[in-house]
Amino acid sequence: MKITDRVKDLIKSGGEWISSVDMENEMISHPSVLEAAVVGVNHPKWEERPLALVTLRGEQKGKVNKEDILEHISKKFAKWQLPDEVKFVDSIPKTSVGKIDKKAIREQYKDIYRKK
């Protein structure tokens, strides 16, 4: 048995499970990525789809795009698991103890896939 994520941080897309922690760790292994957060966001067709927030190292801002990140993580993840959106942000919301605030991210981006 391998436990990879808290149940609330697993993403259920089209009946299949995606580990947000595994995906974050793979994104962070990209040399330009300083920090990454992946959350499941409601989707009208697939129940949920992954959304990635990425902060880049200072000198890399503007040099890395969505396709670069997706290409990097596609070595470990199937095409259907890849996030539909990769948002480059200056900072990722944190809780009072410094952990990534996935609840706040889900709330902030709750309608991102409904507009499509």
PDB file of N, CA and C in Angstrom:
ATOM      1  N   MET A   1       0.843  -1.166   0.000  1.00  0.00           N
ATOM      2  CA  MET A   1       0.000   0.000   0.000  1.00  0.00           C
ATOM      3  C   MET A   1       0.894   1.237   0.000  1.00  0.00           C
ATOM      4  N   LYS A   2       0.519   2.218  -0.806  1.00  0.00           N
ATOM      5  CA  LYS A   2       1.241   3.482  -0.874  1.00  0.00           C
ATOM      6  C   LYS A   2       0.244   4.606  -0.672  1.00  0.00           C
ATOM      7  N   ILE A   3       0.443   5.396   0.364  1.00  0.00           N
ATOM      8  CA  ILE A   3      -0.401   6.560   0.605  1.00  0.00           C
ATOM      9  C   ILE A   3       0.334   7.752   0.026  1.00  0.00           C
ATOM     10  N   THR A   4      -0.316   8.429  -0.892  1.00  0.00           N
ATOM     11  CA  THR A   4       0.368   9.514  -1.593  1.00  0.00           C
ATOM     12  C   THR A   4      -0.190  10.895  -1.271  1.00  0.00           C
ATOM     13  N   ASP A   5      -1.340  10.969  -0.687  1.00  0.00           N
ATOM     14  CA  ASP A   5      -1.984  12.263  -0.519  1.00  0.00           C
ATOM     15  C   ASP A   5      -3.089  12.171   0.516  1.00  0.00           C
ATOM     16  N   ARG A   6      -3.452  13.302   1.084  1.00  0.00           N
ATOM     17  CA  ARG A   6      -4.662  13.360   1.882  1.00  0.00           C
ATOM     18  C   ARG A   6      -5.838  13.198   0.928  1.00  0.00           C
ATOM     19  N   VAL A   7      -6.885  12.576   1.391  1.00  0.00           N
ATOM     20  CA  VAL A   7      -8.048  12.354   0.518  1.00  0.00           C
ATOM     21  C   VAL A   7      -8.549  13.668  -0.062  1.00  0.00           C
ATOM     22  N   LYS A   8      -8.587  14.726   0.752  1.00  0.00           N
ATOM     23  CA  LYS A   8      -9.110  16.001   0.245  1.00  0.00           C
ATOM     24  C   LYS A   8      -8.194  16.642  -0.789  1.00  0.00           C
ATOM     25  N   ASP A   9      -6.933  16.191  -0.869  1.00  0.00           N
ATOM     26  CA  ASP A   9      -6.011  16.744  -1.851  1.00  0.00           C
ATOM     27  C   ASP A   9      -5.875  15.878  -3.095  1.00  0.00           C
ATOM     28  N   LEU A  10      -6.532  14.737  -3.105  1.00  0.00           N
ATOM     29  CA  LEU A  10      -6.577  13.936  -4.324  1.00  0.00           C
ATOM     30  C   LEU A  10      -7.572  14.573  -5.286  1.00  0.00           C
ATOM     31  N   ILE A  11      -7.299  14.437  -6.547  1.00  0.00           N
ATOM     32  CA  ILE A  11      -8.154  15.020  -7.581  1.00  0.00           C
ATOM     33  C   ILE A  11      -8.835  13.874  -8.311  1.00  0.00           C
ATOM     34  N   LYS A  12     -10.160  13.912  -8.358  1.00  0.00           N
ATOM     35  CA  LYS A  12     -10.902  12.870  -9.063  1.00  0.00           C
ATOM     36  C   LYS A  12     -11.393  13.441 -10.387  1.00  0.00           C
ATOM     37  N   SER A  13     -10.787  12.966 -11.458  1.00  0.00           N
ATOM     38  CA  SER A  13     -11.093  13.482 -12.778  1.00  0.00           C
ATOM     39  C   SER A  13     -11.593  12.347 -13.660  1.00  0.00           C
ATOM     40  N   GLY A  14     -12.841  12.423 -14.067  1.00  0.00           N
ATOM     41  CA  GLY A  14     -13.416  11.387 -14.923  1.00  0.00           C
ATOM     42  C   GLY A  14     -13.392  10.014 -14.285  1.00  0.00           C
ATOM     43  N   GLY A  15     -13.506   9.956 -12.972  1.00  0.00           N
ATOM     44  CA  GLY A  15     -13.510   8.684 -12.254  1.00  0.00           C
ATOM     45  C   GLY A  15     -12.130   8.159 -11.895  1.00  0.00           C
ATOM     46  N   GLU A  16     -11.081   8.846 -12.296  1.00  0.00           N
ATOM     47  CA  GLU A  16      -9.702   8.442 -12.000  1.00  0.00           C
ATOM     48  C   GLU A  16      -9.093   9.406 -10.989  1.00  0.00           C
ATOM     49  N   TRP A  17      -8.167   8.897 -10.183  1.00  0.00           N
ATOM     50  CA  TRP A  17      -7.527   9.699  -9.140  1.00  0.00           C
ATOM     51  C   TRP A  17      -6.175  10.219  -9.602  1.00  0.00           C
ATOM     52  N   ILE A  18      -5.887  11.470  -9.240  1.00  0.00           N
ATOM     53  CA  ILE A  18      -4.609  12.109  -9.544  1.00  0.00           C
ATOM     54  C   ILE A  18      -4.049  12.643  -8.228  1.00  0.00           C
ATOM     55  N   SER A  19      -2.786  12.350  -7.942  1.00  0.00           N
ATOM     56  CA  SER A  19      -2.140  12.835  -6.725  1.00  0.00           C
ATOM     57  C   SER A  19      -1.590  14.238  -6.934  1.00  0.00           C
ATOM     58  N   SER A  20      -2.115  15.193  -6.178  1.00  0.00           N
ATOM     59  CA  SER A  20      -1.620  16.563  -6.292  1.00  0.00           C
ATOM     60  C   SER A  20      -0.200  16.676  -5.744  1.00  0.00           C
ATOM     61  N   VAL A  21       0.126  15.930  -4.685  1.00  0.00           N
ATOM     62  CA  VAL A  21       1.459  15.998  -4.084  1.00  0.00           C
ATOM     63  C   VAL A  21       2.519  15.479  -5.056  1.00  0.00           C
ATOM     64  N   ASP A  22       2.245  14.353  -5.710  1.00  0.00           N
ATOM     65  CA  ASP A  22       3.199  13.826  -6.694  1.00  0.00           C
ATOM     66  C   ASP A  22       3.419  14.825  -7.828  1.00  0.00           C
ATOM     67  N   MET A  23       2.341  15.458  -8.277  1.00  0.00           N
ATOM     68  CA  MET A  23       2.456  16.412  -9.377  1.00  0.00           C
ATOM     69  C   MET A  23       3.232  17.661  -8.929  1.00  0.00           C
ATOM     70  N   GLU A  24       2.963  18.140  -7.717  1.00  0.00           N
ATOM     71  CA  GLU A  24       3.710  19.297  -7.191  1.00  0.00           C
ATOM     72  C   GLU A  24       5.201  18.974  -7.103  1.00  0.00           C
ATOM     73  N   ASN A  25       5.522  17.802  -6.582  1.00  0.00           N
ATOM     74  CA  ASN A  25       6.929  17.412  -6.451  1.00  0.00           C
ATOM     75  C   ASN A  25       7.621  17.337  -7.806  1.00  0.00           C
ATOM     76  N   GLU A  26       6.916  16.846  -8.807  1.00  0.00           N
ATOM     77  CA  GLU A  26       7.499  16.780 -10.147  1.00  0.00           C
ATOM     78  C   GLU A  26       7.699  18.182 -10.718  1.00  0.00           C
ATOM     79  N   MET A  27       6.749  19.080 -10.491  1.00  0.00           N
ATOM     80  CA  MET A  27       6.904  20.454 -10.976  1.00  0.00           C
ATOM     81  C   MET A  27       8.086  21.138 -10.308  1.00  0.00           C
ATOM     82  N   ILE A  28       8.229  20.925  -9.012  1.00  0.00           N
ATOM     83  CA  ILE A  28       9.319  21.561  -8.274  1.00  0.00           C
ATOM     84  C   ILE A  28      10.675  21.032  -8.731  1.00  0.00           C
ATOM     85  N   SER A  29      10.703  19.850  -9.318  1.00  0.00           N
ATOM     86  CA  SER A  29      11.980  19.317  -9.822  1.00  0.00           C
ATOM     87  C   SER A  29      12.451  20.040 -11.086  1.00  0.00           C
ATOM     88  N   HIS A  30      11.583  20.847 -11.692  1.00  0.00           N
ATOM     89  CA  HIS A  30      11.988  21.667 -12.843  1.00  0.00           C
ATOM     90  C   HIS A  30      12.929  22.755 -12.313  1.00  0.00           C
ATOM     91  N   PRO A  31      14.076  22.957 -12.935  1.00  0.00           N
ATOM     92  CA  PRO A  31      15.055  23.903 -12.395  1.00  0.00           C
ATOM     93  C   PRO A  31      14.591  25.352 -12.297  1.00  0.00           C
ATOM     94  N   SER A  32      13.571  25.738 -13.049  1.00  0.00           N
ATOM     95  CA  SER A  32      13.089  27.117 -13.020  1.00  0.00           C
ATOM     96  C   SER A  32      11.986  27.351 -11.990  1.00  0.00           C
ATOM     97  N   VAL A  33      11.431  26.262 -11.445  1.00  0.00           N
ATOM     98  CA  VAL A  33      10.283  26.377 -10.543  1.00  0.00           C
ATOM     99  C   VAL A  33      10.749  26.503  -9.096  1.00  0.00           C
ATOM    100  N   LEU A  34      10.280  27.553  -8.444  1.00  0.00           N
ATOM    101  CA  LEU A  34      10.577  27.771  -7.032  1.00  0.00           C
ATOM    102  C   LEU A  34       9.553  27.065  -6.162  1.00  0.00           C
ATOM    103  N   GLU A  35       8.286  27.174  -6.550  1.00  0.00           N
ATOM    104  CA  GLU A  35       7.202  26.631  -5.744  1.00  0.00           C
ATOM    105  C   GLU A  35       6.033  26.261  -6.655  1.00  0.00           C
ATOM    106  N   ALA A  36       5.279  25.233  -6.267  1.00  0.00           N
ATOM    107  CA  ALA A  36       4.117  24.823  -7.064  1.00  0.00           C
ATOM    108  C   ALA A  36       3.014  24.319  -6.151  1.00  0.00           C
ATOM    109  N   ALA A  37       1.790  24.546  -6.565  1.00  0.00           N
ATOM    110  CA  ALA A  37       0.612  24.024  -5.875  1.00  0.00           C
ATOM    111  C   ALA A  37      -0.338  23.483  -6.932  1.00  0.00           C
ATOM    112  N   VAL A  38      -0.898  22.316  -6.669  1.00  0.00           N
ATOM    113  CA  VAL A  38      -1.864  21.709  -7.580  1.00  0.00           C
ATOM    114  C   VAL A  38      -3.123  21.396  -6.785  1.00  0.00           C
ATOM    115  N   VAL A  39      -4.259  21.826  -7.313  1.00  0.00           N
ATOM    116  CA  VAL A  39      -5.549  21.565  -6.666  1.00  0.00           C
ATOM    117  C   VAL A  39      -6.545  21.066  -7.697  1.00  0.00           C
ATOM    118  N   GLY A  40      -7.551  20.372  -7.210  1.00  0.00           N
ATOM    119  CA  GLY A  40      -8.661  19.965  -8.059  1.00  0.00           C
ATOM    120  C   GLY A  40      -9.724  21.039  -8.046  1.00  0.00           C
ATOM    121  N   VAL A  41     -10.158  21.435  -9.234  1.00  0.00           N
ATOM    122  CA  VAL A  41     -11.174  22.471  -9.371  1.00  0.00           C
ATOM    123  C   VAL A  41     -12.361  21.872 -10.122  1.00  0.00           C
ATOM    124  N   ASN A  42     -13.566  22.209  -9.688  1.00  0.00           N
ATOM    125  CA  ASN A  42     -14.766  21.678 -10.334  1.00  0.00           C
ATOM    126  C   ASN A  42     -14.729  21.905 -11.837  1.00  0.00           C
ATOM    127  N   HIS A  43     -15.176  20.871 -12.555  1.00  0.00           N
ATOM    128  CA  HIS A  43     -15.204  20.919 -14.012  1.00  0.00           C
ATOM    129  C   HIS A  43     -16.558  20.366 -14.469  1.00  0.00           C
ATOM    130  N   PRO A  44     -17.220  21.023 -15.431  1.00  0.00           N
ATOM    131  CA  PRO A  44     -18.557  20.593 -15.830  1.00  0.00           C
ATOM    132  C   PRO A  44     -18.620  19.192 -16.450  1.00  0.00           C
ATOM    133  N   LYS A  45     -17.553  18.734 -17.074  1.00  0.00           N
ATOM    134  CA  LYS A  45     -17.574  17.427 -17.726  1.00  0.00           C
ATOM    135  C   LYS A  45     -16.868  16.347 -16.905  1.00  0.00           C
ATOM    136  N   TRP A  46     -15.737  16.674 -16.285  1.00  0.00           N
ATOM    137  CA  TRP A  46     -14.872  15.666 -15.676  1.00  0.00           C
ATOM    138  C   TRP A  46     -14.938  15.630 -14.151  1.00  0.00           C
ATOM    139  N   GLU A  47     -15.883  16.286 -13.539  1.00  0.00           N
ATOM    140  CA  GLU A  47     -16.034  16.398 -12.090  1.00  0.00           C
ATOM    141  C   GLU A  47     -14.996  17.364 -11.523  1.00  0.00           C
ATOM    142  N   GLU A  48     -13.713  17.036 -11.670  1.00  0.00           N
ATOM    143  CA  GLU A  48     -12.633  17.933 -11.274  1.00  0.00           C
ATOM    144  C   GLU A  48     -11.518  17.842 -12.311  1.00  0.00           C
ATOM    145  N   ARG A  49     -10.748  18.910 -12.410  1.00  0.00           N
ATOM    146  CA  ARG A  49      -9.541  18.910 -13.233  1.00  0.00           C
ATOM    147  C   ARG A  49      -8.443  19.601 -12.437  1.00  0.00           C
ATOM    148  N   PRO A  50      -7.188  19.190 -12.638  1.00  0.00           N
ATOM    149  CA  PRO A  50      -6.093  19.839 -11.929  1.00  0.00           C
ATOM    150  C   PRO A  50      -5.851  21.266 -12.430  1.00  0.00           C
ATOM    151  N   LEU A  51      -5.519  22.114 -11.490  1.00  0.00           N
ATOM    152  CA  LEU A  51      -5.077  23.479 -11.753  1.00  0.00           C
ATOM    153  C   LEU A  51      -3.738  23.633 -11.041  1.00  0.00           C
ATOM    154  N   ALA A  52      -2.748  24.145 -11.726  1.00  0.00           N
ATOM    155  CA  ALA A  52      -1.425  24.333 -11.123  1.00  0.00           C
ATOM    156  C   ALA A  52      -1.114  25.820 -10.998  1.00  0.00           C
ATOM    157  N   LEU A  53      -0.627  26.195  -9.827  1.00  0.00           N
ATOM    158  CA  LEU A  53      -0.070  27.530  -9.606  1.00  0.00           C
ATOM    159  C   LEU A  53       1.432  27.349  -9.464  1.00  0.00           C
ATOM    160  N   VAL A  54       2.192  28.171 -10.163  1.00  0.00           N
ATOM    161  CA  VAL A  54       3.645  28.032 -10.175  1.00  0.00           C
ATOM    162  C   VAL A  54       4.290  29.393  -9.930  1.00  0.00           C
ATOM    163  N   THR A  55       5.286  29.406  -9.046  1.00  0.00           N
ATOM    164  CA  THR A  55       6.141  30.581  -8.917  1.00  0.00           C
ATOM    165  C   THR A  55       7.510  30.188  -9.464  1.00  0.00           C
ATOM    166  N   LEU A  56       8.081  31.092 -10.230  1.00  0.00           N
ATOM    167  CA  LEU A  56       9.377  30.830 -10.856  1.00  0.00           C
ATOM    168  C   LEU A  56      10.493  31.529 -10.087  1.00  0.00           C
ATOM    169  N   ARG A  57      11.690  30.987 -10.212  1.00  0.00           N
ATOM    170  CA  ARG A  57      12.864  31.649  -9.644  1.00  0.00           C
ATOM    171  C   ARG A  57      13.006  33.001 -10.347  1.00  0.00           C
ATOM    172  N   GLY A  58      13.455  34.002  -9.637  1.00  0.00           N
ATOM    173  CA  GLY A  58      13.500  35.383 -10.123  1.00  0.00           C
ATOM    174  C   GLY A  58      14.026  35.558 -11.524  1.00  0.00           C
ATOM    175  N   GLU A  59      15.154  34.946 -11.832  1.00  0.00           N
ATOM    176  CA  GLU A  59      15.772  35.122 -13.139  1.00  0.00           C
ATOM    177  C   GLU A  59      15.033  34.376 -14.246  1.00  0.00           C
ATOM    178  N   GLN A  60      14.077  33.509 -13.900  1.00  0.00           N
ATOM    179  CA  GLN A  60      13.363  32.702 -14.887  1.00  0.00           C
ATOM    180  C   GLN A  60      12.004  33.286 -15.287  1.00  0.00           C
ATOM    181  N   LYS A  61      11.572  34.328 -14.595  1.00  0.00           N
ATOM    182  CA  LYS A  61      10.267  34.910 -14.903  1.00  0.00           C
ATOM    183  C   LYS A  61      10.217  35.369 -16.349  1.00  0.00           C
ATOM    184  N   GLY A  62       9.190  34.938 -17.042  1.00  0.00           N
ATOM    185  CA  GLY A  62       9.008  35.289 -18.451  1.00  0.00           C
ATOM    186  C   GLY A  62       9.743  34.368 -19.415  1.00  0.00           C
ATOM    187  N   LYS A  63      10.572  33.461 -18.896  1.00  0.00           N
ATOM    188  CA  LYS A  63      11.333  32.560 -19.760  1.00  0.00           C
ATOM    189  C   LYS A  63      10.731  31.158 -19.828  1.00  0.00           C
ATOM    190  N   VAL A  64       9.807  30.865 -18.929  1.00  0.00           N
ATOM    191  CA  VAL A  64       9.188  29.539 -18.859  1.00  0.00           C
ATOM    192  C   VAL A  64       7.692  29.713 -19.079  1.00  0.00           C
ATOM    193  N   ASN A  65       7.097  28.812 -19.873  1.00  0.00           N
ATOM    194  CA  ASN A  65       5.664  28.911 -20.124  1.00  0.00           C
ATOM    195  C   ASN A  65       4.945  27.604 -19.749  1.00  0.00           C
ATOM    196  N   LYS A  66       3.648  27.605 -19.935  1.00  0.00           N
ATOM    197  CA  LYS A  66       2.814  26.450 -19.605  1.00  0.00           C
ATOM    198  C   LYS A  66       3.316  25.183 -20.287  1.00  0.00           C
ATOM    199  N   GLU A  67       3.647  25.283 -21.556  1.00  0.00           N
ATOM    200  CA  GLU A  67       4.093  24.107 -22.303  1.00  0.00           C
ATOM    201  C   GLU A  67       5.377  23.519 -21.729  1.00  0.00           C
ATOM    202  N   ASP A  68       6.282  24.378 -21.243  1.00  0.00           N
ATOM    203  CA  ASP A  68       7.520  23.899 -20.627  1.00  0.00           C
ATOM    204  C   ASP A  68       7.221  23.063 -19.383  1.00  0.00           C
ATOM    205  N   ILE A  69       6.310  23.544 -18.571  1.00  0.00           N
ATOM    206  CA  ILE A  69       5.946  22.833 -17.343  1.00  0.00           C
ATOM    207  C   ILE A  69       5.257  21.513 -17.686  1.00  0.00           C
ATOM    208  N   LEU A  70       4.302  21.557 -18.603  1.00  0.00           N
ATOM    209  CA  LEU A  70       3.581  20.336 -18.977  1.00  0.00           C
ATOM    210  C   LEU A  70       4.515  19.303 -19.610  1.00  0.00           C
ATOM    211  N   GLU A  71       5.452  19.754 -20.428  1.00  0.00           N
ATOM    212  CA  GLU A  71       6.410  18.830 -21.024  1.00  0.00           C
ATOM    213  C   GLU A  71       7.261  18.165 -19.938  1.00  0.00           C
ATOM    214  N   HIS A  72       7.665  18.943 -18.963  1.00  0.00           N
ATOM    215  CA  HIS A  72       8.492  18.413 -17.877  1.00  0.00           C
ATOM    216  C   HIS A  72       7.750  17.342 -17.078  1.00  0.00           C
ATOM    217  N   ILE A  73       6.499  17.609 -16.708  1.00  0.00           N
ATOM    218  CA  ILE A  73       5.779  16.639 -15.869  1.00  0.00           C
ATOM    219  C   ILE A  73       5.187  15.490 -16.679  1.00  0.00           C
ATOM    220  N   SER A  74       5.117  15.641 -18.005  1.00  0.00           N
ATOM    221  CA  SER A  74       4.535  14.569 -18.825  1.00  0.00           C
ATOM    222  C   SER A  74       5.410  13.321 -18.857  1.00  0.00           C
ATOM    223  N   LYS A  75       6.622  13.422 -18.346  1.00  0.00           N
ATOM    224  CA  LYS A  75       7.491  12.244 -18.246  1.00  0.00           C
ATOM    225  C   LYS A  75       6.974  11.287 -17.176  1.00  0.00           C
ATOM    226  N   LYS A  76       6.217  11.817 -16.211  1.00  0.00           N
ATOM    227  CA  LYS A  76       5.717  10.990 -15.103  1.00  0.00           C
ATOM    228  C   LYS A  76       4.197  10.875 -15.062  1.00  0.00           C
ATOM    229  N   PHE A  77       3.513  11.708 -15.835  1.00  0.00           N
ATOM    230  CA  PHE A  77       2.051  11.728 -15.790  1.00  0.00           C
ATOM    231  C   PHE A  77       1.476  11.535 -17.194  1.00  0.00           C
ATOM    232  N   ALA A  78       0.356  10.827 -17.247  1.00  0.00           N
ATOM    233  CA  ALA A  78      -0.342  10.617 -18.518  1.00  0.00           C
ATOM    234  C   ALA A  78      -0.956  11.938 -18.990  1.00  0.00           C
ATOM    235  N   LYS A  79      -1.205  12.018 -20.274  1.00  0.00           N
ATOM    236  CA  LYS A  79      -1.749  13.250 -20.853  1.00  0.00           C
ATOM    237  C   LYS A  79      -3.052  13.672 -20.171  1.00  0.00           C
ATOM    238  N   TRP A  80      -3.920  12.705 -19.857  1.00  0.00           N
ATOM    239  CA  TRP A  80      -5.209  13.049 -19.244  1.00  0.00           C
ATOM    240  C   TRP A  80      -5.053  13.575 -17.820  1.00  0.00           C
ATOM    241  N   GLN A  81      -3.907  13.328 -17.179  1.00  0.00           N
ATOM    242  CA  GLN A  81      -3.670  13.797 -15.824  1.00  0.00           C
ATOM    243  C   GLN A  81      -3.141  15.225 -15.780  1.00  0.00           C
ATOM    244  N   LEU A  82      -2.601  15.712 -16.864  1.00  0.00           N
ATOM    245  CA  LEU A  82      -1.965  17.024 -16.876  1.00  0.00           C
ATOM    246  C   LEU A  82      -2.978  18.137 -16.615  1.00  0.00           C
ATOM    247  N   PRO A  83      -2.562  19.170 -15.898  1.00  0.00           N
ATOM    248  CA  PRO A  83      -3.473  20.294 -15.635  1.00  0.00           C
ATOM    249  C   PRO A  83      -3.925  20.966 -16.927  1.00  0.00           C
ATOM    250  N   ASP A  84      -5.174  21.383 -16.950  1.00  0.00           N
ATOM    251  CA  ASP A  84      -5.680  22.149 -18.090  1.00  0.00           C
ATOM    252  C   ASP A  84      -5.103  23.561 -18.063  1.00  0.00           C
ATOM    253  N   GLU A  85      -4.821  24.055 -16.867  1.00  0.00           N
ATOM    254  CA  GLU A  85      -4.286  25.410 -16.703  1.00  0.00           C
ATOM    255  C   GLU A  85      -3.063  25.385 -15.794  1.00  0.00           C
ATOM    256  N   VAL A  86      -2.055  26.150 -16.169  1.00  0.00           N
ATOM    257  CA  VAL A  86      -0.882  26.408 -15.334  1.00  0.00           C
ATOM    258  C   VAL A  86      -0.806  27.919 -15.199  1.00  0.00           C
ATOM    259  N   LYS A  87      -1.030  28.414 -14.002  1.00  0.00           N
ATOM    260  CA  LYS A  87      -1.014  29.852 -13.745  1.00  0.00           C
ATOM    261  C   LYS A  87       0.306  30.231 -13.098  1.00  0.00           C
ATOM    262  N   PHE A  88       0.980  31.211 -13.670  1.00  0.00           N
ATOM    263  CA  PHE A  88       2.222  31.713 -13.088  1.00  0.00           C
ATOM    264  C   PHE A  88       1.870  32.886 -12.182  1.00  0.00           C
ATOM    265  N   VAL A  89       2.224  32.761 -10.915  1.00  0.00           N
ATOM    266  CA  VAL A  89       1.857  33.755  -9.913  1.00  0.00           C
ATOM    267  C   VAL A  89       3.104  34.230  -9.175  1.00  0.00           C
ATOM    268  N   ASP A  90       2.996  35.407  -8.568  1.00  0.00           N
ATOM    269  CA  ASP A  90       4.113  35.943  -7.782  1.00  0.00           C
ATOM    270  C   ASP A  90       4.256  35.225  -6.448  1.00  0.00           C
ATOM    271  N   SER A  91       3.117  34.791  -5.896  1.00  0.00           N
ATOM    272  CA  SER A  91       3.166  34.046  -4.637  1.00  0.00           C
ATOM    273  C   SER A  91       1.965  33.112  -4.563  1.00  0.00           C
ATOM    274  N   ILE A  92       2.139  32.043  -3.803  1.00  0.00           N
ATOM    275  CA  ILE A  92       1.091  31.052  -3.597  1.00  0.00           C
ATOM    276  C   ILE A  92       0.515  31.265  -2.209  1.00  0.00           C
ATOM    277  N   PRO A  93      -0.820  31.306  -2.070  1.00  0.00           N
ATOM    278  CA  PRO A  93      -1.428  31.535  -0.752  1.00  0.00           C
ATOM    279  C   PRO A  93      -0.953  30.505   0.279  1.00  0.00           C
ATOM    280  N   LYS A  94      -0.685  31.012   1.491  1.00  0.00           N
ATOM    281  CA  LYS A  94      -0.221  30.152   2.582  1.00  0.00           C
ATOM    282  C   LYS A  94      -1.132  30.312   3.801  1.00  0.00           C
ATOM    283  N   THR A  95      -1.149  29.277   4.626  1.00  0.00           N
ATOM    284  CA  THR A  95      -1.873  29.335   5.901  1.00  0.00           C
ATOM    285  C   THR A  95      -1.014  30.094   6.903  1.00  0.00           C
ATOM    286  N   SER A  96      -1.543  30.273   8.101  1.00  0.00           N
ATOM    287  CA  SER A  96      -0.813  30.996   9.139  1.00  0.00           C
ATOM    288  C   SER A  96       0.460  30.276   9.577  1.00  0.00           C
ATOM    289  N   VAL A  97       0.551  28.974   9.317  1.00  0.00           N
ATOM    290  CA  VAL A  97       1.763  28.230   9.682  1.00  0.00           C
ATOM    291  C   VAL A  97       2.690  28.012   8.483  1.00  0.00           C
ATOM    292  N   GLY A  98       2.390  28.643   7.360  1.00  0.00           N
ATOM    293  CA  GLY A  98       3.277  28.611   6.209  1.00  0.00           C
ATOM    294  C   GLY A  98       3.053  27.487   5.214  1.00  0.00           C
ATOM    295  N   LYS A  99       1.987  26.719   5.389  1.00  0.00           N
ATOM    296  CA  LYS A  99       1.683  25.655   4.425  1.00  0.00           C
ATOM    297  C   LYS A  99       0.850  26.222   3.279  1.00  0.00           C
ATOM    298  N   ILE A 100       0.917  25.559   2.119  1.00  0.00           N
ATOM    299  CA  ILE A 100       0.107  25.990   0.979  1.00  0.00           C
ATOM    300  C   ILE A 100      -1.366  25.894   1.348  1.00  0.00           C
ATOM    301  N   ASP A 101      -2.105  26.967   1.116  1.00  0.00           N
ATOM    302  CA  ASP A 101      -3.522  27.033   1.472  1.00  0.00           C
ATOM    303  C   ASP A 101      -4.367  26.603   0.268  1.00  0.00           C
ATOM    304  N   LYS A 102      -4.520  25.292   0.136  1.00  0.00           N
ATOM    305  CA  LYS A 102      -5.249  24.753  -1.012  1.00  0.00           C
ATOM    306  C   LYS A 102      -6.729  25.131  -0.971  1.00  0.00           C
ATOM    307  N   LYS A 103      -7.265  25.270   0.199  1.00  0.00           N
ATOM    308  CA  LYS A 103      -8.665  25.684   0.332  1.00  0.00           C
ATOM    309  C   LYS A 103      -8.859  27.079  -0.272  1.00  0.00           C
ATOM    310  N   ALA A 104      -7.949  27.991   0.026  1.00  0.00           N
ATOM    311  CA  ALA A 104      -8.036  29.356  -0.522  1.00  0.00           C
ATOM    312  C   ALA A 104      -7.850  29.345  -2.042  1.00  0.00           C
ATOM    313  N   ILE A 105      -6.957  28.499  -2.532  1.00  0.00           N
ATOM    314  CA  ILE A 105      -6.729  28.410  -3.982  1.00  0.00           C
ATOM    315  C   ILE A 105      -7.978  27.886  -4.671  1.00  0.00           C
ATOM    316  N   ARG A 106      -8.570  26.814  -4.113  1.00  0.00           N
ATOM    317  CA  ARG A 106      -9.808  26.273  -4.707  1.00  0.00           C
ATOM    318  C   ARG A 106     -10.903  27.339  -4.762  1.00  0.00           C
ATOM    319  N   GLU A 107     -11.029  28.108  -3.689  1.00  0.00           N
ATOM    320  CA  GLU A 107     -12.057  29.149  -3.631  1.00  0.00           C
ATOM    321  C   GLU A 107     -11.769  30.247  -4.661  1.00  0.00           C
ATOM    322  N   GLN A 108     -10.529  30.666  -4.750  1.00  0.00           N
ATOM    323  CA  GLN A 108     -10.161  31.751  -5.667  1.00  0.00           C
ATOM    324  C   GLN A 108     -10.375  31.365  -7.133  1.00  0.00           C
ATOM    325  N   TYR A 109     -10.121  30.098  -7.466  1.00  0.00           N
ATOM    326  CA  TYR A 109     -10.194  29.660  -8.860  1.00  0.00           C
ATOM    327  C   TYR A 109     -11.374  28.718  -9.126  1.00  0.00           C
ATOM    328  N   LYS A 110     -12.372  28.727  -8.281  1.00  0.00           N
ATOM    329  CA  LYS A 110     -13.465  27.765  -8.364  1.00  0.00           C
ATOM    330  C   LYS A 110     -14.215  27.780  -9.698  1.00  0.00           C
ATOM    331  N   ASP A 111     -14.223  28.886 -10.404  1.00  0.00           N
ATOM    332  CA  ASP A 111     -14.978  28.985 -11.652  1.00  0.00           C
ATOM    333  C   ASP A 111     -14.093  28.963 -12.896  1.00  0.00           C
ATOM    334  N   ILE A 112     -12.817  28.684 -12.756  1.00  0.00           N
ATOM    335  CA  ILE A 112     -11.895  28.791 -13.887  1.00  0.00           C
ATOM    336  C   ILE A 112     -12.266  27.859 -15.037  1.00  0.00           C
ATOM    337  N   TYR A 113     -12.785  26.681 -14.748  1.00  0.00           N
ATOM    338  CA  TYR A 113     -13.140  25.733 -15.809  1.00  0.00           C
ATOM    339  C   TYR A 113     -14.609  25.840 -16.218  1.00  0.00           C
ATOM    340  N   ARG A 114     -15.384  26.558 -15.506  1.00  0.00           N
ATOM    341  CA  ARG A 114     -16.790  26.744 -15.870  1.00  0.00           C
ATOM    342  C   ARG A 114     -16.955  27.739 -16.996  1.00  0.00           C
ATOM    343  N   LYS A 115     -15.979  28.586 -17.205  1.00  0.00           N
ATOM    344  CA  LYS A 115     -16.044  29.623 -18.233  1.00  0.00           C
ATOM    345  C   LYS A 115     -15.735  29.091 -19.615  1.00  0.00           C
ATOM    346  N   LYS A 116     -15.252  27.863 -19.688  1.00  0.00           N
ATOM    347  CA  LYS A 116     -14.841  27.313 -20.978  1.00  0.00           C
ATOM    348  C   LYS A 116     -15.965  26.634 -21.690  1.00  0.00           C
TER     349      LYS A 116
END
